[in-house]
């Protein structure tokens, strides 16, 4: 197959591109490189620099590539920033996404895989979070992703664009070639590893008094290669679907820090700070549906294995991609 991957220079996109190429697919990457990195584009992929907010650029890219399917990872994804600059999130994640869908229709694309998020659910009524729970986003980031999910449903019904939307929380770990390097790093594991690398004095823990076993928030960490495997499986589904994606378990912030200490063999001081507004105690994604319907099974079930893969990449790339 020929797959066009938006955001293919980013953390998740780059690893998915590599897995597509390994199975023999041809890949075109469409990325504006504001969050992604040129060095994260696989050398066997064709890079088209462009911005989804420019209708002409994405229409030209789809018309030239005429791919069999599109994987859409290009999005702004900082919850805090979305609360201060909602326009940026609706412009890129919704308007840009709409431009992409129109280009898909014009180019005759019939398969679409969307990188969504469990942030569409907001604070869940129950845990683990299943597809049946009501979606009530509590920030513009989650709202923008939910809006695009709703648009997808209508493009399926009206234009026959079959889609799979994968909702997940905490992507983590690294592949052999590509790892996590965000210009503004908000994810826990890379921030903890920066302390192990001597780049930060301590890691901050936001809240130590939650109703959890050790007082810190519990999250579902899923390895980047397991995420990539789910996206590849989604390409083979003939009917549109929404899937929540997680390991079905969870680790607290303190457990992740302790795992990083074990893996690196280094002291990692932690400083407890006040809670951040809107952080639920438990966020764990139920993934029974995708396991049942697509046969997806995560290979990395233990937090130490996830951290170890991330640590190996950061040791090789202590300053990320260096751009």
Protein backbone atom coordinates (compact mmCIF):
# COMPACT_ATOMS: atom_id res chain seq x y z
CA UNK A 1 0.00 0.00 0.00
CA UNK A 2 0.92 3.64 -0.37
CA UNK A 3 0.20 5.52 2.87
CA UNK A 4 0.30 9.27 3.37
CA UNK A 5 1.18 10.05 6.99
CA UNK A 6 0.50 13.53 8.34
CA UNK A 7 2.76 14.36 11.27
CA UNK A 8 5.18 11.64 10.18
CA UNK A 9 8.12 13.64 11.54
CA UNK A 10 6.70 13.54 15.06
CA UNK A 11 7.11 11.07 17.92
CA UNK A 12 4.27 8.66 17.15
CA UNK A 13 4.19 9.32 13.41
CA UNK A 14 7.88 8.56 12.87
CA UNK A 15 7.60 5.18 14.56
CA UNK A 16 4.48 4.30 12.60
CA UNK A 17 6.21 5.28 9.35
CA UNK A 18 9.09 2.93 10.18
CA UNK A 19 6.72 0.02 10.85
CA UNK A 20 4.85 0.68 7.60
CA UNK A 21 8.12 0.62 5.66
CA UNK A 22 9.25 -2.56 7.42
CA UNK A 23 6.16 -4.39 6.20
CA UNK A 24 6.77 -3.19 2.64
CA UNK A 25 4.45 -0.20 2.29
CA UNK A 26 5.39 3.00 0.45
CA UNK A 27 5.11 6.14 2.61
CA UNK A 28 4.71 9.85 1.95
CA UNK A 29 5.13 12.08 5.01
CA UNK A 30 3.30 15.43 5.14
CA UNK A 31 4.61 17.63 7.95
CA UNK A 32 5.25 21.33 8.58
CA UNK A 33 8.17 20.48 10.93
CA UNK A 34 7.03 22.92 13.62
CA UNK A 35 6.76 20.12 16.19
CA UNK A 36 8.36 17.27 14.25
CA UNK A 37 11.99 16.91 13.23
CA UNK A 38 13.52 16.48 9.80
CA UNK A 39 15.88 13.89 11.29
CA UNK A 40 12.86 11.88 12.46
CA UNK A 41 11.67 11.34 8.88
CA UNK A 42 12.71 7.86 7.79
CA UNK A 43 15.16 8.06 4.86
CA UNK A 44 13.01 5.65 2.85
CA UNK A 45 9.93 7.89 3.16
CA UNK A 46 9.17 10.81 0.85
CA UNK A 47 8.80 14.08 2.77
CA UNK A 48 6.42 16.80 1.64
CA UNK A 49 6.72 19.95 3.74
CA UNK A 50 3.37 21.60 4.14
CA UNK A 51 0.72 22.84 6.54
CA UNK A 52 -2.77 21.38 6.84
CA UNK A 53 -4.20 24.85 7.34
CA UNK A 54 -3.20 25.63 3.75
CA UNK A 55 -5.85 23.92 1.63
CA UNK A 56 -3.80 24.26 -1.51
CA UNK A 57 -0.78 22.50 -0.02
CA UNK A 58 -2.63 19.46 1.29
CA UNK A 59 -4.80 19.14 -1.83
CA UNK A 60 -1.66 19.22 -4.00
CA UNK A 61 0.06 16.62 -1.82
CA UNK A 62 -2.90 14.21 -1.95
CA UNK A 63 -3.37 14.74 -5.67
CA UNK A 64 0.29 13.98 -6.35
CA UNK A 65 0.53 11.00 -3.99
CA UNK A 66 -2.88 9.40 -4.63
CA UNK A 67 -2.36 7.16 -1.57
CA UNK A 68 -4.39 4.09 -0.70
CA UNK A 69 -4.90 5.40 2.84
CA UNK A 70 -4.09 8.29 5.16
CA UNK A 71 -2.80 8.15 8.73
CA UNK A 72 -3.41 11.43 10.52
CA UNK A 73 -1.10 12.31 13.43
CA UNK A 74 -0.62 16.04 12.80
CA UNK A 75 -2.10 17.90 15.76
CA UNK A 76 -1.25 20.26 18.56
CA UNK A 77 -1.46 18.28 21.78
CA UNK A 78 -0.53 20.39 24.82
CA UNK A 79 -3.49 20.52 27.18
CA UNK A 80 -2.22 23.54 29.10
CA UNK A 81 -1.53 25.53 25.94
CA UNK A 82 -5.00 24.73 24.65
CA UNK A 83 -6.44 26.43 27.74
CA UNK A 84 -4.57 29.67 26.94
CA UNK A 85 -4.68 29.57 23.14
CA UNK A 86 -7.80 27.64 22.06
CA UNK A 87 -7.77 29.24 18.61
CA UNK A 88 -4.52 27.45 17.75
CA UNK A 89 -6.07 24.08 18.61
CA UNK A 90 -9.30 24.58 16.70
CA UNK A 91 -7.45 26.01 13.70
CA UNK A 92 -4.95 23.17 13.43
CA UNK A 93 -6.84 20.19 14.82
CA UNK A 94 -10.27 20.97 13.35
CA UNK A 95 -9.85 23.34 10.40
CA UNK A 96 -6.62 21.68 9.30
CA UNK A 97 -8.21 18.27 9.73
CA UNK A 98 -11.20 19.33 7.66
CA UNK A 99 -8.89 20.47 4.87
CA UNK A 100 -7.28 17.04 4.98
CA UNK A 101 -10.61 15.23 4.73
CA UNK A 102 -11.69 17.35 1.76
CA UNK A 103 -8.38 16.57 0.06
CA UNK A 104 -8.93 12.85 0.74
CA UNK A 105 -12.36 12.98 -0.87
CA UNK A 106 -11.00 14.85 -3.90
CA UNK A 107 -8.16 12.35 -4.32
CA UNK A 108 -10.40 9.31 -3.92
CA UNK A 109 -8.89 8.11 -0.64
CA UNK A 110 -11.15 5.55 1.03
CA UNK A 111 -9.26 4.57 4.21
CA UNK A 112 -8.35 6.89 7.08
CA UNK A 113 -6.73 6.19 10.48
CA UNK A 114 -6.99 8.95 13.07
CA UNK A 115 -4.72 9.41 16.07
CA UNK A 116 -7.26 10.48 18.68
CA UNK A 117 -7.13 10.65 22.47
CA UNK A 118 -8.98 9.53 25.56
CA UNK A 119 -9.03 13.25 26.46
CA UNK A 120 -12.32 13.28 24.54
CA UNK A 121 -13.85 11.64 27.64
CA UNK A 122 -12.74 14.29 30.13
CA UNK A 123 -13.07 13.08 33.71
CA UNK A 124 -14.50 9.55 33.31
CA UNK A 125 -17.40 8.24 35.36
CA UNK A 126 -15.69 4.86 35.71
CA UNK A 127 -12.27 3.31 35.07
CA UNK A 128 -11.13 1.67 32.86
CA UNK A 129 -12.52 3.95 30.18
CA UNK A 130 -14.59 2.05 27.62
CA UNK A 131 -15.98 3.24 24.32
CA UNK A 132 -19.47 3.34 25.85
CA UNK A 133 -18.70 6.13 28.34
CA UNK A 134 -19.97 9.66 27.61
CA UNK A 135 -17.46 12.03 26.02
CA UNK A 136 -17.20 15.29 27.99
CA UNK A 137 -13.88 17.05 27.22
CA UNK A 138 -12.60 19.47 29.83
CA UNK A 139 -10.13 21.36 27.63
CA UNK A 140 -9.99 22.68 24.04
CA UNK A 141 -7.48 19.97 23.06
CA UNK A 142 -9.92 17.18 23.92
CA UNK A 143 -12.79 19.16 22.42
CA UNK A 144 -10.93 19.62 19.13
CA UNK A 145 -10.29 15.88 18.85
CA UNK A 146 -13.92 15.07 19.63
CA UNK A 147 -15.11 17.59 17.03
CA UNK A 148 -12.95 15.89 14.42
CA UNK A 149 -14.30 12.46 15.41
CA UNK A 150 -17.82 13.76 14.78
CA UNK A 151 -16.78 15.16 11.40
CA UNK A 152 -15.27 11.78 10.48
CA UNK A 153 -18.59 10.05 11.07
CA UNK A 154 -20.34 12.33 8.57
CA UNK A 155 -17.60 11.97 5.96
CA UNK A 156 -18.05 8.22 6.22
CA UNK A 157 -21.82 8.45 5.83
CA UNK A 158 -21.78 11.01 3.02
CA UNK A 159 -18.52 10.32 1.16
CA UNK A 160 -17.81 6.69 2.03
CA UNK A 161 -14.51 7.53 3.75
CA UNK A 162 -13.93 4.56 6.05
CA UNK A 163 -12.08 5.50 9.22
CA UNK A 164 -10.69 4.05 12.42
CA UNK A 165 -10.22 6.43 15.33
CA UNK A 166 -7.75 5.25 18.01
CA UNK A 167 -8.04 6.94 21.39
CA UNK A 168 -5.11 6.59 23.76
CA UNK A 169 -3.40 8.34 26.63
CA UNK A 170 0.26 8.11 27.46
CA UNK A 171 2.42 7.09 24.55
CA UNK A 172 5.84 6.14 25.91
CA UNK A 173 9.07 4.35 25.13
CA UNK A 174 11.05 4.36 21.90
CA UNK A 175 11.92 2.26 18.90
CA UNK A 176 15.48 1.49 17.83
CA UNK A 177 15.66 4.50 15.50
CA UNK A 178 13.08 7.03 16.68
CA UNK A 179 12.26 8.35 20.15
CA UNK A 180 10.59 11.18 22.03
CA UNK A 181 11.88 14.71 21.53
CA UNK A 182 9.30 17.44 22.06
CA UNK A 183 10.30 21.08 21.93
CA UNK A 184 8.08 21.61 24.98
CA UNK A 185 8.31 18.39 26.98
CA UNK A 186 5.31 17.68 29.19
CA UNK A 187 5.45 13.87 29.27
CA UNK A 188 6.55 12.24 32.51
CA UNK A 189 9.08 9.62 31.39
CA UNK A 190 11.34 11.89 29.28
CA UNK A 191 11.25 14.52 32.02
CA UNK A 192 12.31 11.94 34.63
CA UNK A 193 15.09 10.70 32.34
CA UNK A 194 16.36 14.27 31.92
CA UNK A 195 17.15 14.14 35.65
CA UNK A 196 19.00 10.85 35.19
CA UNK A 197 20.97 12.46 32.34
CA UNK A 198 21.94 15.39 34.58
CA UNK A 199 19.92 17.88 32.56
CA UNK A 200 17.47 18.68 35.39
CA UNK A 201 17.96 18.77 39.15
CA UNK A 202 14.72 17.00 40.03
CA UNK A 203 11.41 15.83 38.68
CA UNK A 204 8.20 17.53 39.76
CA UNK A 205 5.25 15.47 40.95
CA UNK A 206 1.99 17.38 40.74
CA UNK A 207 -0.05 16.16 43.69
CA UNK A 208 0.85 13.58 46.30
CA UNK A 209 -2.49 13.37 48.07
CA UNK A 210 -4.77 11.74 45.49
CA UNK A 211 -7.00 8.80 46.53
CA UNK A 212 -4.57 6.32 44.95
CA UNK A 213 -2.34 3.71 46.61
CA UNK A 214 0.66 6.07 46.86
CA UNK A 215 -1.07 9.45 46.51
CA UNK A 216 0.08 10.22 42.96
CA UNK A 217 -1.93 10.06 39.75
CA UNK A 218 -2.25 6.75 37.92
CA UNK A 219 -1.98 6.69 34.13
CA UNK A 220 -1.98 4.07 31.38
CA UNK A 221 1.42 3.99 29.64
CA UNK A 222 1.50 2.29 26.25
CA UNK A 223 4.63 1.60 24.26
CA UNK A 224 5.04 3.48 21.01
CA UNK A 225 5.56 0.26 19.04
CA UNK A 226 2.33 -1.19 20.43
CA UNK A 227 0.58 1.99 19.28
CA UNK A 228 2.13 1.60 15.85
CA UNK A 229 0.97 -2.01 15.65
CA UNK A 230 -2.61 -0.92 16.39
CA UNK A 231 -2.48 1.67 13.60
CA UNK A 232 -1.28 -0.93 11.11
CA UNK A 233 -4.05 -3.31 12.12
CA UNK A 234 -6.57 -0.48 11.74
CA UNK A 235 -5.62 -0.12 8.07
CA UNK A 236 -7.10 -3.57 7.43
CA UNK A 237 -10.54 -2.86 8.89
CA UNK A 238 -13.29 -2.45 6.28
CA UNK A 239 -15.83 -0.71 8.52
CA UNK A 240 -15.46 2.52 10.47
CA UNK A 241 -14.85 2.16 14.20
CA UNK A 242 -13.70 3.88 17.38
CA UNK A 243 -11.26 2.08 19.67
CA UNK A 244 -9.82 2.97 23.06
CA UNK A 245 -6.21 1.93 23.28
CA UNK A 246 -4.32 1.03 26.43
CA UNK A 247 -2.66 -1.80 28.30
CA UNK A 248 -5.62 -2.12 30.66
CA UNK A 249 -3.38 -1.38 33.64
CA UNK A 250 -1.80 1.71 35.06
CA UNK A 251 1.22 3.08 36.89
CA UNK A 252 1.40 5.94 39.34
CA UNK A 253 3.79 8.84 38.94
CA UNK A 254 5.87 7.54 41.84
CA UNK A 255 5.96 4.05 40.30
CA UNK A 256 7.26 5.49 37.01
CA UNK A 257 9.96 7.45 38.84
CA UNK A 258 11.00 4.32 40.74
CA UNK A 259 11.11 2.39 37.48
CA UNK A 260 13.41 5.04 36.00
CA UNK A 261 15.69 4.68 39.04
CA UNK A 262 15.86 0.91 38.57
CA UNK A 263 16.51 1.09 34.84
CA UNK A 264 19.10 3.88 34.92
CA UNK A 265 20.73 2.97 38.23
CA UNK A 266 20.80 6.66 39.11
CA UNK A 267 19.35 8.79 41.86
CA UNK A 268 16.37 10.81 40.71
CA UNK A 269 15.16 13.35 43.26
CA UNK A 270 11.43 14.07 43.19
CA UNK A 271 9.71 17.19 44.52
CA UNK A 272 5.98 17.10 45.22
CA UNK A 273 4.12 20.17 43.99
CA UNK A 274 0.45 21.18 44.35
CA UNK A 275 -2.11 19.41 42.20
CA UNK A 276 -2.80 20.72 38.73
CA UNK A 277 -6.43 21.65 38.04
CA UNK A 278 -8.34 18.98 36.14
CA UNK A 279 -6.01 16.02 36.77
CA UNK A 280 -8.19 12.98 37.58
CA UNK A 281 -6.70 10.41 40.00
CA UNK A 282 -7.07 7.45 37.61
CA UNK A 283 -7.01 7.44 33.80
CA UNK A 284 -6.80 3.96 32.35
CA UNK A 285 -8.08 3.02 28.91
CA UNK A 286 -10.02 -0.20 28.43
CA UNK A 287 -9.01 -1.90 25.18
CA UNK A 288 -11.14 -5.05 25.12
CA UNK A 289 -12.88 -3.98 21.90
CA UNK A 290 -9.73 -3.63 19.78
CA UNK A 291 -8.30 -6.83 21.23
CA UNK A 292 -11.49 -8.67 20.30
CA UNK A 293 -12.12 -7.15 16.86
CA UNK A 294 -8.61 -6.58 15.51
CA UNK A 295 -6.61 -9.08 17.55
CA UNK A 296 -4.34 -6.39 18.96
CA UNK A 297 -2.21 -7.42 21.95
CA UNK A 298 0.37 -5.08 23.49
CA UNK A 299 3.84 -6.63 23.75
CA UNK A 300 5.15 -4.20 26.37
CA UNK A 301 3.07 -4.78 29.50
CA UNK A 302 5.65 -3.82 32.14
CA UNK A 303 6.65 -0.24 32.87
CA UNK A 304 10.33 -1.22 33.20
CA UNK A 305 10.41 -2.48 29.60
CA UNK A 306 8.86 0.77 28.37
CA UNK A 307 11.29 2.90 30.39
CA UNK A 308 14.27 0.79 29.29
CA UNK A 309 13.54 1.40 25.60
CA UNK A 310 13.20 5.14 26.25
CA UNK A 311 16.41 5.24 28.27
CA UNK A 312 18.42 3.50 25.54
CA UNK A 313 17.24 6.08 23.01
CA UNK A 314 17.91 9.07 25.27
CA UNK A 315 21.41 7.81 26.09
CA UNK A 316 22.13 7.66 22.35
CA UNK A 317 20.40 11.03 21.78
CA UNK A 318 20.90 13.06 25.00
CA UNK A 319 19.88 16.25 23.20
CA UNK A 320 17.18 14.70 21.07
CA UNK A 321 17.45 15.22 17.34
CA UNK A 322 19.56 18.33 17.86
CA UNK A 323 17.61 20.64 15.56
